[in-house]
Amino acid sequence: MQDYQSGWGFMWEFHGFGWLFMVLLFGLFVWFVIAVLRRIFSPPGPVVRDDPALAILRERYARGDITDEEYQRKRKELSQPPP
């Protein structure tokens, strides 16, 4: 039987759960690297979701259901914030 009271033996053995500690430590490291890379390479500013009403309006215009004047008027109406 080895003496674990001195040196690094106890830390790495951890009573048979050393592998679990290492897997958790590696997972934490990978998570940290991914979080940093996302922070660095993400586009600045908030992510703007496309309005479903504008998408339907574009589809109707593309199919030819509405004229250019109707499209421009309705797009302007939908782009304004509600009162």
C-alpha atoms as a PDB file:
ATOM      1  CA  MET A   1       0.000   0.000   0.000  1.00  0.00           C
ATOM      2  CA  GLN A   2       1.300   3.440  -0.954  1.00  0.00           C
ATOM      3  CA  ASP A   3       1.509   6.390   1.336  1.00  0.00           C
ATOM      4  CA  TYR A   4      -0.695   9.202  -0.106  1.00  0.00           C
ATOM      5  CA  GLN A   5       0.024  11.780   2.546  1.00  0.00           C
ATOM      6  CA  SER A   6       2.826  13.373   0.594  1.00  0.00           C
ATOM      7  CA  GLY A   7       3.319  14.208  -3.050  1.00  0.00           C
ATOM      8  CA  TRP A   8       0.815  14.220  -5.908  1.00  0.00           C
ATOM      9  CA  GLY A   9      -0.403  10.650  -5.538  1.00  0.00           C
ATOM     10  CA  PHE A  10      -3.580  11.427  -3.623  1.00  0.00           C
ATOM     11  CA  MET A  11      -4.648  14.179  -6.016  1.00  0.00           C
ATOM     12  CA  TRP A  12      -4.425  12.002  -9.108  1.00  0.00           C
ATOM     13  CA  GLU A  13      -5.766   8.828  -7.541  1.00  0.00           C
ATOM     14  CA  PHE A  14      -8.682  10.477  -5.683  1.00  0.00           C
ATOM     15  CA  HIS A  15      -9.705   7.080  -4.306  1.00  0.00           C
ATOM     16  CA  GLY A  16     -10.361   5.563  -7.735  1.00  0.00           C
ATOM     17  CA  PHE A  17     -12.214   8.549  -9.179  1.00  0.00           C
ATOM     18  CA  GLY A  18      -9.219  10.318 -10.701  1.00  0.00           C
ATOM     19  CA  TRP A  19     -10.481   9.552 -14.222  1.00  0.00           C
ATOM     20  CA  LEU A  20     -13.808  11.262 -13.439  1.00  0.00           C
ATOM     21  CA  PHE A  21     -12.011  14.340 -12.172  1.00  0.00           C
ATOM     22  CA  MET A  22      -9.894  14.475 -15.330  1.00  0.00           C
ATOM     23  CA  VAL A  23     -12.940  14.072 -17.636  1.00  0.00           C
ATOM     24  CA  LEU A  24     -14.774  16.871 -15.815  1.00  0.00           C
ATOM     25  CA  LEU A  25     -11.709  19.089 -15.940  1.00  0.00           C
ATOM     26  CA  PHE A  26     -11.267  18.430 -19.669  1.00  0.00           C
ATOM     27  CA  GLY A  27     -14.984  19.129 -20.304  1.00  0.00           C
ATOM     28  CA  LEU A  28     -14.735  22.403 -18.417  1.00  0.00           C
ATOM     29  CA  PHE A  29     -11.701  23.377 -20.483  1.00  0.00           C
ATOM     30  CA  VAL A  30     -13.480  22.555 -23.779  1.00  0.00           C
ATOM     31  CA  TRP A  31     -16.570  24.509 -22.672  1.00  0.00           C
ATOM     32  CA  PHE A  32     -14.405  27.509 -21.804  1.00  0.00           C
ATOM     33  CA  VAL A  33     -12.608  27.451 -25.165  1.00  0.00           C
ATOM     34  CA  ILE A  34     -15.913  27.243 -27.072  1.00  0.00           C
ATOM     35  CA  ALA A  35     -17.401  30.103 -25.024  1.00  0.00           C
ATOM     36  CA  VAL A  36     -14.385  32.311 -25.719  1.00  0.00           C
ATOM     37  CA  LEU A  37     -14.422  31.513 -29.451  1.00  0.00           C
ATOM     38  CA  ARG A  38     -18.156  32.259 -29.678  1.00  0.00           C
ATOM     39  CA  ARG A  39     -17.597  35.557 -27.910  1.00  0.00           C
ATOM     40  CA  ILE A  40     -14.763  36.512 -30.255  1.00  0.00           C
ATOM     41  CA  PHE A  41     -16.372  35.464 -33.547  1.00  0.00           C
ATOM     42  CA  SER A  42     -20.041  36.312 -32.902  1.00  0.00           C
ATOM     43  CA  PRO A  43     -21.467  39.272 -34.814  1.00  0.00           C
ATOM     44  CA  PRO A  44     -21.790  42.456 -32.757  1.00  0.00           C
ATOM     45  CA  GLY A  45     -25.182  43.668 -31.646  1.00  0.00           C
ATOM     46  CA  PRO A  46     -28.435  41.826 -31.018  1.00  0.00           C
ATOM     47  CA  VAL A  47     -29.638  39.115 -33.352  1.00  0.00           C
ATOM     48  CA  VAL A  48     -32.706  40.362 -35.210  1.00  0.00           C
ATOM     49  CA  ARG A  49     -35.305  37.751 -36.086  1.00  0.00           C
ATOM     50  CA  ASP A  50     -37.201  38.099 -39.351  1.00  0.00           C
ATOM     51  CA  ASP A  51     -40.798  39.196 -38.898  1.00  0.00           C
ATOM     52  CA  PRO A  52     -43.159  36.483 -40.221  1.00  0.00           C
ATOM     53  CA  ALA A  53     -45.570  39.119 -41.563  1.00  0.00           C
ATOM     54  CA  LEU A  54     -42.809  40.661 -43.684  1.00  0.00           C
ATOM     55  CA  ALA A  55     -41.811  37.217 -44.941  1.00  0.00           C
ATOM     56  CA  ILE A  56     -45.409  36.530 -46.062  1.00  0.00           C
ATOM     57  CA  LEU A  57     -45.538  39.955 -47.705  1.00  0.00           C
ATOM     58  CA  ARG A  58     -42.315  39.218 -49.639  1.00  0.00           C
ATOM     59  CA  GLU A  59     -43.749  35.861 -50.764  1.00  0.00           C
ATOM     60  CA  ARG A  60     -46.949  37.502 -52.007  1.00  0.00           C
ATOM     61  CA  TYR A  61     -44.909  40.103 -53.890  1.00  0.00           C
ATOM     62  CA  ALA A  62     -42.660  37.428 -55.400  1.00  0.00           C
ATOM     63  CA  ARG A  63     -45.704  35.455 -56.615  1.00  0.00           C
ATOM     64  CA  GLY A  64     -47.163  38.588 -58.181  1.00  0.00           C
ATOM     65  CA  ASP A  65     -50.226  38.703 -55.922  1.00  0.00           C
ATOM     66  CA  ILE A  66     -49.615  42.373 -55.060  1.00  0.00           C
ATOM     67  CA  THR A  67     -48.166  45.309 -56.986  1.00  0.00           C
ATOM     68  CA  ASP A  68     -44.960  47.153 -56.191  1.00  0.00           C
ATOM     69  CA  GLU A  69     -46.882  50.105 -54.733  1.00  0.00           C
ATOM     70  CA  GLU A  70     -48.909  47.800 -52.452  1.00  0.00           C
ATOM     71  CA  TYR A  71     -45.753  46.019 -51.377  1.00  0.00           C
ATOM     72  CA  GLN A  72     -43.939  49.255 -50.498  1.00  0.00           C
ATOM     73  CA  ARG A  73     -46.939  50.664 -48.609  1.00  0.00           C
ATOM     74  CA  LYS A  74     -47.560  47.487 -46.601  1.00  0.00           C
ATOM     75  CA  ARG A  75     -43.852  47.029 -45.880  1.00  0.00           C
ATOM     76  CA  LYS A  76     -43.701  50.556 -44.492  1.00  0.00           C
ATOM     77  CA  GLU A  77     -46.819  49.915 -42.368  1.00  0.00           C
ATOM     78  CA  LEU A  78     -45.425  46.672 -40.998  1.00  0.00           C
ATOM     79  CA  SER A  79     -42.021  48.215 -40.237  1.00  0.00           C
ATOM     80  CA  GLN A  80     -43.476  50.926 -38.023  1.00  0.00           C
ATOM     81  CA  PRO A  81     -43.721  50.099 -34.309  1.00  0.00           C
ATOM     82  CA  PRO A  82     -47.252  49.683 -32.953  1.00  0.00           C
ATOM     83  CA  PRO A  83     -48.763  52.750 -31.257  1.00  0.00           C
END
